Amino acid sequence: MPYQVLKRAEEVLKQLEERREKDDNKAKITKREEGYQLSFITLDDPLLLDIKEEIIDLDINSLTPVEALMKLNDIKNMLQKKGRK
């Protein structure tokens, strides 16, 4: 093969390998960041446990839009009664 063709093929290969290496590094960084997610909400709070249970018990597919808004308002009121906003 001509020298110029081989030289160009080496350049292209080098560029592709560098690009793949950068993509691999980005993927590793993303995985590390996902592993260090901190939670600012602890479910040890009885109020939050009550809210969680209410949400779990809901049949979202059977709620009308008005019922959904009313339920959201109920949860908001629960939080406000405890002095949270």
C-alpha atoms as a PDB file:
ATOM      1  CA  MET A   1       0.000   0.000   0.000  1.00  0.00           C
ATOM      2  CA  PRO A   2       1.149   3.536  -0.589  1.00  0.00           C
ATOM      3  CA  TYR A   3       2.838   5.226   2.343  1.00  0.00           C
ATOM      4  CA  GLN A   4       0.362   8.156   2.326  1.00  0.00           C
ATOM      5  CA  VAL A   5      -2.611   5.814   2.693  1.00  0.00           C
ATOM      6  CA  LEU A   6      -0.998   4.016   5.631  1.00  0.00           C
ATOM      7  CA  LYS A   7      -0.043   7.296   7.287  1.00  0.00           C
ATOM      8  CA  ARG A   8      -3.586   8.661   6.950  1.00  0.00           C
ATOM      9  CA  ALA A   9      -5.057   5.402   8.268  1.00  0.00           C
ATOM     10  CA  GLU A  10      -2.823   5.652  11.349  1.00  0.00           C
ATOM     11  CA  GLU A  11      -3.973   9.247  11.950  1.00  0.00           C
ATOM     12  CA  VAL A  12      -7.638   8.306  11.682  1.00  0.00           C
ATOM     13  CA  LEU A  13      -7.140   5.301  13.961  1.00  0.00           C
ATOM     14  CA  LYS A  14      -5.386   7.461  16.548  1.00  0.00           C
ATOM     15  CA  GLN A  15      -8.230  10.022  16.484  1.00  0.00           C
ATOM     16  CA  LEU A  16     -10.854   7.311  16.896  1.00  0.00           C
ATOM     17  CA  GLU A  17      -8.997   5.717  19.798  1.00  0.00           C
ATOM     18  CA  GLU A  18      -8.618   9.089  21.550  1.00  0.00           C
ATOM     19  CA  ARG A  19     -12.313   9.838  21.074  1.00  0.00           C
ATOM     20  CA  ARG A  20     -13.281   6.436  22.466  1.00  0.00           C
ATOM     21  CA  GLU A  21     -10.977   6.947  25.447  1.00  0.00           C
ATOM     22  CA  LYS A  22     -12.624  10.303  26.203  1.00  0.00           C
ATOM     23  CA  ASP A  23     -16.093   8.735  25.960  1.00  0.00           C
ATOM     24  CA  ASP A  24     -15.037   5.908  28.286  1.00  0.00           C
ATOM     25  CA  ASN A  25     -13.713   8.430  30.818  1.00  0.00           C
ATOM     26  CA  LYS A  26     -16.980  10.383  30.690  1.00  0.00           C
ATOM     27  CA  ALA A  27     -18.944   7.196  31.312  1.00  0.00           C
ATOM     28  CA  LYS A  28     -16.752   6.327  34.306  1.00  0.00           C
ATOM     29  CA  ILE A  29     -17.187   9.808  35.777  1.00  0.00           C
ATOM     30  CA  THR A  30     -20.955   9.608  35.342  1.00  0.00           C
ATOM     31  CA  LYS A  31     -21.080   6.233  37.092  1.00  0.00           C
ATOM     32  CA  ARG A  32     -19.022   7.559  39.995  1.00  0.00           C
ATOM     33  CA  GLU A  33     -21.273  10.609  40.367  1.00  0.00           C
ATOM     34  CA  GLU A  34     -24.374   8.426  40.453  1.00  0.00           C
ATOM     35  CA  GLY A  35     -22.889   6.362  43.260  1.00  0.00           C
ATOM     36  CA  TYR A  36     -22.395   9.393  45.501  1.00  0.00           C
ATOM     37  CA  GLN A  37     -25.925  10.779  45.422  1.00  0.00           C
ATOM     38  CA  LEU A  38     -26.821  12.150  48.834  1.00  0.00           C
ATOM     39  CA  SER A  39     -30.331  12.141  50.183  1.00  0.00           C
ATOM     40  CA  PHE A  40     -31.499  15.275  51.946  1.00  0.00           C
ATOM     41  CA  ILE A  41     -34.812  13.690  52.882  1.00  0.00           C
ATOM     42  CA  THR A  42     -34.867  11.010  55.509  1.00  0.00           C
ATOM     43  CA  LEU A  43     -37.928   8.856  55.800  1.00  0.00           C
ATOM     44  CA  ASP A  44     -37.450   8.480  59.542  1.00  0.00           C
ATOM     45  CA  ASP A  45     -39.852  11.385  59.970  1.00  0.00           C
ATOM     46  CA  PRO A  46     -43.332  10.007  60.842  1.00  0.00           C
ATOM     47  CA  LEU A  47     -45.039  12.698  58.772  1.00  0.00           C
ATOM     48  CA  LEU A  48     -43.073  11.756  55.672  1.00  0.00           C
ATOM     49  CA  LEU A  49     -43.845   8.099  56.298  1.00  0.00           C
ATOM     50  CA  ASP A  50     -47.560   8.962  56.465  1.00  0.00           C
ATOM     51  CA  ILE A  51     -47.335  10.906  53.207  1.00  0.00           C
ATOM     52  CA  LYS A  52     -45.450   8.057  51.583  1.00  0.00           C
ATOM     53  CA  GLU A  53     -48.163   5.586  52.640  1.00  0.00           C
ATOM     54  CA  GLU A  54     -50.903   7.844  51.269  1.00  0.00           C
ATOM     55  CA  ILE A  55     -49.140   8.088  47.925  1.00  0.00           C
ATOM     56  CA  ILE A  56     -48.513   4.338  47.759  1.00  0.00           C
ATOM     57  CA  ASP A  57     -52.172   3.622  48.521  1.00  0.00           C
ATOM     58  CA  LEU A  58     -53.402   5.916  45.729  1.00  0.00           C
ATOM     59  CA  ASP A  59     -54.757   4.427  42.533  1.00  0.00           C
ATOM     60  CA  ILE A  60     -53.507   7.167  40.247  1.00  0.00           C
ATOM     61  CA  ASN A  61     -55.215   5.737  37.179  1.00  0.00           C
ATOM     62  CA  SER A  62     -58.653   6.076  38.748  1.00  0.00           C
ATOM     63  CA  LEU A  63     -58.262   9.639  40.078  1.00  0.00           C
ATOM     64  CA  THR A  64     -59.916  12.511  38.303  1.00  0.00           C
ATOM     65  CA  PRO A  65     -57.835  15.664  37.874  1.00  0.00           C
ATOM     66  CA  VAL A  66     -59.874  17.375  40.604  1.00  0.00           C
ATOM     67  CA  GLU A  67     -59.361  14.452  42.996  1.00  0.00           C
ATOM     68  CA  ALA A  68     -55.625  14.522  42.293  1.00  0.00           C
ATOM     69  CA  LEU A  69     -55.475  18.240  43.082  1.00  0.00           C
ATOM     70  CA  MET A  70     -57.486  17.698  46.248  1.00  0.00           C
ATOM     71  CA  LYS A  71     -55.095  14.943  47.366  1.00  0.00           C
ATOM     72  CA  LEU A  72     -52.133  17.200  46.646  1.00  0.00           C
ATOM     73  CA  ASN A  73     -53.776  19.921  48.717  1.00  0.00           C
ATOM     74  CA  ASP A  74     -54.319  17.430  51.568  1.00  0.00           C
ATOM     75  CA  ILE A  75     -50.622  16.562  51.545  1.00  0.00           C
ATOM     76  CA  LYS A  76     -49.703  20.243  51.454  1.00  0.00           C
ATOM     77  CA  ASN A  77     -51.946  20.884  54.462  1.00  0.00           C
ATOM     78  CA  MET A  78     -50.346  17.994  56.344  1.00  0.00           C
ATOM     79  CA  LEU A  79     -46.942  19.592  55.821  1.00  0.00           C
ATOM     80  CA  GLN A  80     -48.148  23.053  56.810  1.00  0.00           C
ATOM     81  CA  LYS A  81     -49.694  21.751  60.039  1.00  0.00           C
ATOM     82  CA  LYS A  82     -46.257  20.527  61.061  1.00  0.00           C
ATOM     83  CA  GLY A  83     -44.796  23.983  60.368  1.00  0.00           C
ATOM     84  CA  ARG A  84     -43.063  23.064  57.137  1.00  0.00           C
ATOM     85  CA  LYS A  85     -43.221  24.913  53.866  1.00  0.00           C
END
